[in-house]
Amino acid sequence: MSACVKCEHPAADEHHHREGAGPVGKGAGGDPLDQLPTVALCRAHHNSVHAGEWVLHLSDGMVSGVSPDGEVLFERPLVLDDNHAAPEFWSPEKLADSLFVVEREGLLMKGRLCAVFWARSRWYPDWPEAASIIIGNATGHQIGPRTIRRLANLYLTTRDVFGGDSSWIEELGTSVAYLIAESSDPAPILERAKRLRGGGATSRETLAELRDTVVNERERHTCACGDIHYRKEASSEENPARSMP
């Protein structure tokens, strides 16, 4: 049985999707249903997409859900493919297994794998806990939710803020890098950390100097894959806590 693309519960319906506005089905003057791509949804999320609570977008083999105010709720492949070059297309089981065999690629590859779990369930506040359970069930090894979140933050910050340049992680050390990635505005925190280290501060002293700033910042905003939104939506209001349906 296929799974709902949003919550991964068993799908009850195949949603016929047409990109953009317009009627669906010959009776409505639109494309015939058998010529439209289908997306697997559970009954609750099929009803909610028809009610306009969110919309689907298909592009390059990926399906994403977007709220009316433009917040991306999730992004996942229409078809899982463990032979694909990009981990974004892999099954949860291969993602989990790969976390324990990518030591040579270092933290960023682990972070990319964790960020895939985030991307697929970013609408769900407890996504790191859910990812931790999936990883444990698939591999028999445990990675804690906090570690999963920190790894994903590190990857997203490096990719989206620093253009993929990871030299700052090696320069400052993992602990400082994790803290910088937890900031809603990492660039000035990075510069401050470099000044501190350049002035002779140890990693521990740098952490102590920066921690209060980042913690106070988090009370107002969020980090790359925080409990609320991705950094680009950091000024938006928090979503109410909710559980997977």
Protein backbone atom coordinates (compact mmCIF):
# COMPACT_ATOMS: atom_id res chain seq x y z
CA MET A 1 0.00 0.00 0.00
CA SER A 2 1.32 3.45 -0.87
CA ALA A 3 1.82 6.11 1.80
CA CYS A 4 0.44 9.63 2.06
CA VAL A 5 3.03 12.09 0.72
CA LYS A 6 2.45 14.41 3.68
CA CYS A 7 2.13 12.25 6.80
CA GLU A 8 3.35 8.85 5.47
CA HIS A 9 0.31 7.08 6.89
CA PRO A 10 -1.39 4.58 4.54
CA ALA A 11 -2.89 6.37 1.57
CA ALA A 12 -6.61 6.04 1.00
CA ASP A 13 -6.93 8.13 -2.16
CA GLU A 14 -5.09 9.06 -5.34
CA HIS A 15 -5.31 12.80 -5.82
CA HIS A 16 -5.35 13.87 -9.50
CA HIS A 17 -3.07 16.86 -9.66
CA ARG A 18 -3.02 19.69 -12.17
CA GLU A 19 -0.31 22.34 -11.67
CA GLY A 20 -1.79 25.81 -11.37
CA ALA A 21 -5.41 26.86 -11.40
CA GLY A 22 -7.94 25.24 -13.69
CA PRO A 23 -10.63 22.57 -13.85
CA VAL A 24 -9.85 18.88 -13.59
CA GLY A 25 -11.86 16.24 -15.45
CA LYS A 26 -13.77 16.31 -18.70
CA GLY A 27 -17.01 17.22 -16.98
CA ALA A 28 -15.39 20.37 -15.64
CA GLY A 29 -13.91 21.27 -19.01
CA GLY A 30 -10.40 20.30 -17.95
CA ASP A 31 -7.91 17.57 -18.71
CA PRO A 32 -9.14 13.96 -18.56
CA LEU A 33 -8.29 12.40 -15.19
CA ASP A 34 -6.33 9.55 -16.76
CA GLN A 35 -3.93 12.09 -18.30
CA LEU A 36 -3.08 13.76 -14.98
CA PRO A 37 -0.40 12.65 -12.51
CA THR A 38 -1.67 11.25 -9.24
CA VAL A 39 -0.39 11.86 -5.71
CA ALA A 40 -1.08 9.43 -2.87
CA LEU A 41 -2.86 10.99 0.13
CA CYS A 42 -4.57 9.75 3.24
CA ARG A 43 -8.25 10.66 3.49
CA ALA A 44 -7.67 13.52 5.94
CA HIS A 45 -5.03 15.21 3.79
CA HIS A 46 -6.96 14.58 0.58
CA ASN A 47 -9.88 16.44 2.15
CA SER A 48 -7.65 19.24 3.43
CA VAL A 49 -5.99 19.86 0.05
CA HIS A 50 -9.43 20.08 -1.61
CA ALA A 51 -10.53 22.44 1.16
CA GLY A 52 -7.68 24.79 0.19
CA GLU A 53 -5.76 24.39 3.44
CA TRP A 54 -2.60 23.71 1.39
CA VAL A 55 -1.66 23.10 -2.22
CA LEU A 56 0.51 20.57 -4.03
CA HIS A 57 3.31 21.35 -6.48
CA LEU A 58 5.13 18.84 -8.69
CA SER A 59 8.54 19.55 -10.20
CA ASP A 60 11.48 17.40 -11.33
CA GLY A 61 10.18 14.26 -9.67
CA MET A 62 9.52 15.98 -6.37
CA VAL A 63 6.20 16.84 -4.75
CA SER A 64 5.87 19.65 -2.23
CA GLY A 65 3.04 20.96 -0.08
CA VAL A 66 2.67 24.70 0.43
CA SER A 67 0.36 26.58 2.79
CA PRO A 68 -1.77 29.51 1.53
CA ASP A 69 0.76 31.98 2.97
CA GLY A 70 3.64 30.37 1.06
CA GLU A 71 5.20 28.28 3.82
CA VAL A 72 6.66 25.03 2.45
CA LEU A 73 5.24 22.20 4.54
CA PHE A 74 7.17 19.30 3.04
CA GLU A 75 9.12 18.20 -0.03
CA ARG A 76 9.67 14.59 -1.03
CA PRO A 77 10.12 12.46 -4.16
CA LEU A 78 7.06 11.12 -5.92
CA VAL A 79 8.92 7.80 -6.27
CA LEU A 80 11.66 6.64 -3.89
CA ASP A 81 14.83 5.45 -5.64
CA ASP A 82 17.73 4.05 -3.62
CA ASN A 83 19.88 4.01 -6.77
CA HIS A 84 19.50 7.74 -7.37
CA ALA A 85 22.64 9.84 -6.99
CA ALA A 86 20.86 12.36 -4.74
CA PRO A 87 19.90 11.27 -1.20
CA GLU A 88 16.77 13.40 -1.47
CA PHE A 89 15.29 10.47 -3.47
CA TRP A 90 16.33 7.68 -1.11
CA SER A 91 14.07 5.60 1.10
CA PRO A 92 14.09 6.30 4.86
CA GLU A 93 15.88 2.98 5.39
CA LYS A 94 18.76 3.87 3.06
CA LEU A 95 19.01 7.35 4.59
CA ALA A 96 19.26 5.75 8.03
CA ASP A 97 21.85 3.16 6.98
CA SER A 98 23.93 5.79 5.21
CA LEU A 99 24.27 7.87 8.38
CA PHE A 100 26.61 5.20 9.72
CA VAL A 101 28.74 4.72 6.58
CA VAL A 102 29.58 8.29 5.56
CA GLU A 103 32.39 9.02 7.99
CA ARG A 104 34.76 9.86 5.15
CA GLU A 105 32.46 12.63 3.92
CA GLY A 106 32.22 14.06 7.43
CA LEU A 107 29.56 16.05 9.20
CA LEU A 108 28.08 17.78 6.18
CA MET A 109 27.02 14.56 4.48
CA LYS A 110 25.44 13.38 7.72
CA GLY A 111 23.77 16.79 7.92
CA ARG A 112 22.43 16.47 4.39
CA LEU A 113 20.89 13.10 5.22
CA CYS A 114 19.28 14.54 8.35
CA ALA A 115 18.04 17.53 6.35
CA VAL A 116 16.18 15.13 4.05
CA PHE A 117 14.18 13.88 7.04
CA TRP A 118 13.45 17.52 7.90
CA ALA A 119 12.40 18.44 4.36
CA ARG A 120 9.92 15.58 4.19
CA SER A 121 8.24 16.45 7.50
CA ARG A 122 9.07 20.11 8.19
CA TRP A 123 5.41 20.89 8.97
CA TYR A 124 5.64 18.56 11.98
CA PRO A 125 7.34 20.14 15.05
CA ASP A 126 8.61 16.82 16.40
CA TRP A 127 10.25 15.71 13.15
CA PRO A 128 13.64 14.98 14.85
CA GLU A 129 11.97 12.57 17.27
CA ALA A 130 10.18 10.85 14.38
CA ALA A 131 13.46 10.65 12.41
CA SER A 132 15.25 9.20 15.44
CA ILE A 133 12.67 6.41 15.69
CA ILE A 134 12.95 5.64 11.96
CA ILE A 135 16.75 5.48 12.19
CA GLY A 136 16.64 3.26 15.27
CA ASN A 137 14.13 0.87 13.75
CA ALA A 138 16.07 0.64 10.47
CA THR A 139 19.57 0.22 11.88
CA GLY A 140 19.35 -0.83 15.51
CA HIS A 141 21.52 2.21 16.35
CA GLN A 142 20.33 5.37 18.03
CA ILE A 143 20.92 8.99 17.06
CA GLY A 144 19.23 11.42 19.41
CA PRO A 145 16.74 14.04 18.15
CA ARG A 146 19.00 16.90 19.24
CA THR A 147 21.91 15.52 17.23
CA ILE A 148 19.68 15.07 14.18
CA ARG A 149 18.48 18.66 14.40
CA ARG A 150 22.00 20.04 14.89
CA LEU A 151 23.39 18.09 11.93
CA ALA A 152 20.56 19.29 9.68
CA ASN A 153 21.06 22.88 10.86
CA LEU A 154 24.78 22.65 10.10
CA TYR A 155 24.17 21.45 6.55
CA LEU A 156 21.39 23.96 5.76
CA THR A 157 23.41 26.87 7.16
CA THR A 158 26.48 25.89 5.14
CA ARG A 159 24.42 25.44 1.96
CA ASP A 160 22.11 28.44 2.18
CA VAL A 161 24.11 31.04 4.10
CA PHE A 162 27.74 30.29 3.29
CA GLY A 163 27.30 29.03 -0.28
CA GLY A 164 28.48 25.51 0.47
CA ASP A 165 31.83 26.64 1.91
CA SER A 166 32.46 24.42 4.93
CA SER A 167 35.93 25.72 5.82
CA TRP A 168 34.45 27.64 8.77
CA ILE A 169 33.51 24.37 10.49
CA GLU A 170 37.09 23.08 10.50
CA GLU A 171 38.43 26.51 11.37
CA LEU A 172 36.24 27.02 14.45
CA GLY A 173 35.54 23.46 15.56
CA THR A 174 32.37 21.42 15.64
CA SER A 175 30.95 22.77 18.90
CA VAL A 176 31.22 26.40 17.83
CA ALA A 177 29.90 25.53 14.37
CA TYR A 178 26.83 23.85 15.86
CA LEU A 179 26.11 26.96 17.91
CA ILE A 180 26.49 29.28 14.92
CA ALA A 181 24.11 27.08 12.90
CA GLU A 182 21.50 27.41 15.66
CA SER A 183 21.42 31.17 15.15
CA SER A 184 18.71 32.78 13.03
CA ASP A 185 21.38 35.11 11.60
CA PRO A 186 24.61 33.09 11.40
CA ALA A 187 26.81 35.43 9.35
CA PRO A 188 27.51 38.06 12.07
CA ILE A 189 27.87 35.33 14.70
CA LEU A 190 30.48 33.64 12.48
CA GLU A 191 32.44 36.88 12.11
CA ARG A 192 32.34 37.43 15.85
CA ALA A 193 33.56 33.87 16.46
CA LYS A 194 36.46 34.39 14.04
CA ARG A 195 37.45 37.60 15.83
CA LEU A 196 37.38 35.84 19.18
CA ARG A 197 39.49 32.93 17.96
CA GLY A 198 41.83 35.32 16.16
CA GLY A 199 42.28 37.16 19.44
CA GLY A 200 43.42 34.01 21.18
CA ALA A 201 40.16 32.75 22.69
CA THR A 202 39.83 29.00 23.06
CA SER A 203 36.90 27.06 21.65
CA ARG A 204 35.35 26.87 25.13
CA GLU A 205 35.78 30.60 25.71
CA THR A 206 34.28 31.35 22.29
CA LEU A 207 31.27 29.14 23.07
CA ALA A 208 30.72 30.87 26.40
CA GLU A 209 30.95 34.31 24.78
CA LEU A 210 28.49 33.49 21.99
CA ARG A 211 25.98 31.28 23.79
CA ASP A 212 23.90 34.00 25.47
CA THR A 213 23.57 35.90 22.20
CA VAL A 214 22.35 32.86 20.29
CA VAL A 215 20.00 31.69 23.05
CA ASN A 216 18.40 35.14 23.35
CA GLU A 217 18.09 35.27 19.56
CA ARG A 218 16.28 31.91 19.48
CA GLU A 219 13.61 33.27 21.81
CA ARG A 220 12.58 35.62 19.00
CA HIS A 221 13.35 33.66 15.84
CA THR A 222 14.43 30.21 14.77
CA CYS A 223 17.37 28.35 13.30
CA ALA A 224 17.62 26.67 9.92
CA CYS A 225 15.32 23.75 10.75
CA GLY A 226 13.95 24.92 14.07
CA ASP A 227 10.65 24.12 15.71
CA ILE A 228 8.81 26.77 13.69
CA HIS A 229 10.04 27.61 10.22
CA TYR A 230 13.02 27.59 7.94
CA ARG A 231 15.20 30.70 8.24
CA LYS A 232 13.52 32.47 5.32
CA GLU A 233 10.29 32.45 7.32
CA ALA A 234 11.96 33.38 10.61
CA SER A 235 9.81 36.48 11.05
CA SER A 236 6.55 34.58 10.66
CA GLU A 237 4.36 33.67 13.60
CA GLU A 238 4.77 30.26 15.20
CA ASN A 239 2.53 27.44 14.11
CA PRO A 240 0.51 25.94 16.96
CA ALA A 241 1.88 22.64 18.24
CA ARG A 242 0.27 19.70 16.53
CA SER A 243 0.65 15.97 16.26
CA MET A 244 0.83 13.75 13.24
CA PRO A 245 -2.71 12.80 12.19
